Amino acid sequence: MLPSWKYRLDVVNCAGTYDDVIKHNLYVCTAKGGQYSHRRSLYFGVYRNKQVNEVAKIETVVDIESEDEYSIKWKNVNKSDEELVEIARSRRSYIDDSWYPARVFLLANLHPTNFRKTTPGGMQSSKQYFDISNLNVNDAIDLAEKLKDKSWEKY
């Protein structure tokens, strides 16, 4: 039995940062406040306009406290902390990187899908988790395929 995080899709409302997420394979939020805490997950869903348009494997989540301080929240790849922090800082430099503390999600390749929210209204919070254990996915490509044309209510 694998840990539950390996079967979790973290769907995040990226309406305001969509272009940056897609262009840089990076999601950034503040590292302060409970609404920005995230449970460890293997996959990330890019949400806007009532659907998840792309999914990716989460490589790591790094909290960058200042120019010199950081902490690795978790990592899902076999790379050194130093290498992951350098990649996070580099990718973040392409967007507004002047504020701290920042929680940086490094994403592997994004894969298109159309996992739709069919109930009225948008997301009720900034994120939502999905247990994908029943889908028996091999990787993010497989997850994207299995979520295509599915609704949040019937996946």
Protein backbone atom coordinates (compact mmCIF):
# COMPACT_ATOMS: atom_id res chain seq x y z
CA MET A 1 0.00 0.00 0.00
CA LEU A 2 1.52 3.30 -1.09
CA PRO A 3 1.14 6.45 1.02
CA SER A 4 -2.11 8.38 0.35
CA TRP A 5 -0.28 11.41 -1.09
CA LYS A 6 0.71 9.33 -4.12
CA TYR A 7 -3.00 9.09 -4.97
CA ARG A 8 -3.83 12.77 -4.47
CA LEU A 9 -4.50 15.45 -7.09
CA ASP A 10 -4.22 18.99 -5.71
CA VAL A 11 -6.42 21.18 -7.92
CA VAL A 12 -5.52 24.85 -7.49
CA ASN A 13 -7.38 27.89 -8.77
CA CYS A 14 -4.83 29.48 -11.11
CA ALA A 15 -7.15 31.97 -12.84
CA GLY A 16 -4.96 34.92 -11.84
CA THR A 17 -1.61 33.26 -12.55
CA TYR A 18 -2.52 30.86 -15.35
CA ASP A 19 -0.05 32.18 -17.95
CA ASP A 20 2.88 32.04 -15.51
CA VAL A 21 1.99 28.50 -14.43
CA ILE A 22 1.83 27.30 -18.03
CA LYS A 23 4.89 29.17 -19.25
CA HIS A 24 7.22 28.39 -16.33
CA ASN A 25 5.86 25.10 -14.87
CA LEU A 26 5.61 26.89 -11.56
CA TYR A 27 2.89 27.84 -9.11
CA VAL A 28 3.63 30.41 -6.41
CA CYS A 29 1.54 31.49 -3.44
CA THR A 30 2.30 33.02 -0.08
CA ALA A 31 3.75 30.71 2.55
CA LYS A 32 1.64 32.41 5.24
CA GLY A 33 -1.90 31.55 6.25
CA GLY A 34 -3.85 28.32 6.49
CA GLN A 35 -5.64 28.73 3.16
CA TYR A 36 -2.24 28.46 1.46
CA SER A 37 -1.11 25.31 3.22
CA HIS A 38 -1.22 22.29 0.95
CA ARG A 39 -1.21 18.60 1.81
CA ARG A 40 1.49 16.61 0.14
CA SER A 41 0.27 15.45 -3.26
CA LEU A 42 1.87 13.78 -6.24
CA TYR A 43 -0.14 15.68 -8.86
CA PHE A 44 -1.16 19.29 -9.49
CA GLY A 45 -4.24 20.38 -11.44
CA VAL A 46 -4.30 23.81 -13.10
CA TYR A 47 -7.86 25.16 -12.67
CA ARG A 48 -9.61 28.11 -14.30
CA ASN A 49 -13.01 28.68 -15.90
CA LYS A 50 -14.63 25.72 -14.17
CA GLN A 51 -12.18 23.10 -15.36
CA VAL A 52 -8.73 21.64 -14.93
CA ASN A 53 -6.94 22.30 -18.20
CA GLU A 54 -3.58 20.68 -17.38
CA VAL A 55 -2.10 18.30 -14.86
CA ALA A 56 1.51 17.76 -13.84
CA LYS A 57 3.58 15.83 -11.38
CA ILE A 58 4.68 18.01 -8.46
CA GLU A 59 8.46 17.74 -8.28
CA THR A 60 8.83 19.67 -5.04
CA VAL A 61 7.37 22.40 -2.88
CA VAL A 62 9.86 24.92 -1.49
CA ASP A 63 9.18 27.72 0.95
CA ILE A 64 11.50 30.62 0.15
CA GLU A 65 11.64 32.72 3.31
CA SER A 66 14.16 35.31 2.07
CA GLU A 67 17.00 35.60 -0.41
CA ASP A 68 19.06 33.28 1.79
CA GLU A 69 16.56 31.13 3.68
CA TYR A 70 14.42 28.27 2.42
CA SER A 71 12.84 25.03 3.51
CA ILE A 72 11.77 22.05 1.45
CA LYS A 73 8.16 21.20 2.31
CA TRP A 74 8.33 17.95 0.35
CA LYS A 75 9.90 16.52 -2.77
CA ASN A 76 8.63 13.84 -5.12
CA VAL A 77 11.81 13.51 -7.18
CA ASN A 78 15.29 12.26 -6.47
CA LYS A 79 17.22 15.53 -6.70
CA SER A 80 19.23 17.37 -4.08
CA ASP A 81 17.61 20.10 -2.02
CA GLU A 82 20.17 22.58 -3.34
CA GLU A 83 19.37 21.75 -6.97
CA LEU A 84 15.62 22.06 -6.39
CA VAL A 85 15.98 25.38 -4.58
CA GLU A 86 18.14 26.73 -7.40
CA ILE A 87 15.52 25.68 -9.97
CA ALA A 88 12.75 27.24 -7.86
CA ARG A 89 14.63 30.53 -7.50
CA SER A 90 15.49 30.57 -11.21
CA ARG A 91 11.94 29.93 -12.41
CA ARG A 92 10.50 32.36 -9.88
CA SER A 93 12.81 35.11 -11.19
CA TYR A 94 10.73 35.16 -14.40
CA ILE A 95 7.73 36.42 -12.43
CA ASP A 96 7.43 38.92 -9.57
CA ASP A 97 9.92 37.49 -7.08
CA SER A 98 10.19 40.50 -4.79
CA TRP A 99 7.97 39.23 -1.95
CA TYR A 100 8.52 36.74 0.84
CA PRO A 101 7.72 34.22 2.14
CA ALA A 102 6.77 32.41 -1.05
CA ARG A 103 5.62 28.81 -1.45
CA VAL A 104 6.91 27.56 -4.81
CA PHE A 105 5.55 24.45 -6.52
CA LEU A 106 7.93 23.12 -9.15
CA LEU A 107 5.93 21.22 -11.73
CA ALA A 108 7.14 18.67 -14.25
CA ASN A 109 5.71 18.78 -17.78
CA LEU A 110 2.09 19.84 -18.01
CA HIS A 111 -0.34 17.56 -19.85
CA PRO A 112 -3.64 18.78 -21.32
CA THR A 113 -6.96 17.48 -20.06
CA ASN A 114 -10.48 18.80 -19.49
CA PHE A 115 -11.60 17.72 -16.04
CA ARG A 116 -14.77 19.80 -15.61
CA LYS A 117 -16.66 21.19 -12.63
CA THR A 118 -20.29 20.85 -13.73
CA THR A 119 -22.04 22.10 -10.59
CA PRO A 120 -23.05 25.78 -10.40
CA GLY A 121 -20.44 28.36 -9.42
CA GLY A 122 -16.69 28.25 -9.29
CA MET A 123 -14.41 26.63 -6.73
CA GLN A 124 -15.45 27.33 -3.14
CA SER A 125 -11.82 27.76 -2.05
CA SER A 126 -8.41 28.21 -3.64
CA LYS A 127 -7.78 24.46 -3.79
CA GLN A 128 -9.53 21.12 -3.80
CA TYR A 129 -8.15 17.61 -3.40
CA PHE A 130 -9.18 14.55 -5.37
CA ASP A 131 -8.46 10.94 -4.41
CA ILE A 132 -7.40 9.36 -7.70
CA SER A 133 -6.57 5.90 -6.32
CA ASN A 134 -9.45 4.35 -8.27
CA LEU A 135 -7.93 5.55 -11.59
CA ASN A 136 -4.77 3.41 -11.26
CA VAL A 137 -2.59 5.99 -13.00
CA ASN A 138 1.02 5.39 -13.99
CA ASP A 139 2.08 9.02 -14.39
CA ALA A 140 0.78 12.51 -15.21
CA ILE A 141 0.23 11.67 -18.89
CA ASP A 142 -1.98 8.75 -17.89
CA LEU A 143 -3.82 10.90 -15.35
CA ALA A 144 -4.52 13.58 -17.97
CA GLU A 145 -5.97 10.96 -20.33
CA LYS A 146 -8.13 9.36 -17.65
CA LEU A 147 -9.57 12.72 -16.57
CA LYS A 148 -10.43 13.87 -20.12
CA ASP A 149 -14.13 14.57 -20.55
CA LYS A 150 -14.83 13.63 -16.92
CA SER A 151 -16.70 15.75 -14.41
CA TRP A 152 -15.58 16.36 -10.84
CA GLU A 153 -18.69 14.58 -9.69
CA LYS A 154 -18.17 11.46 -11.88
CA TYR A 155 -14.52 10.70 -12.29
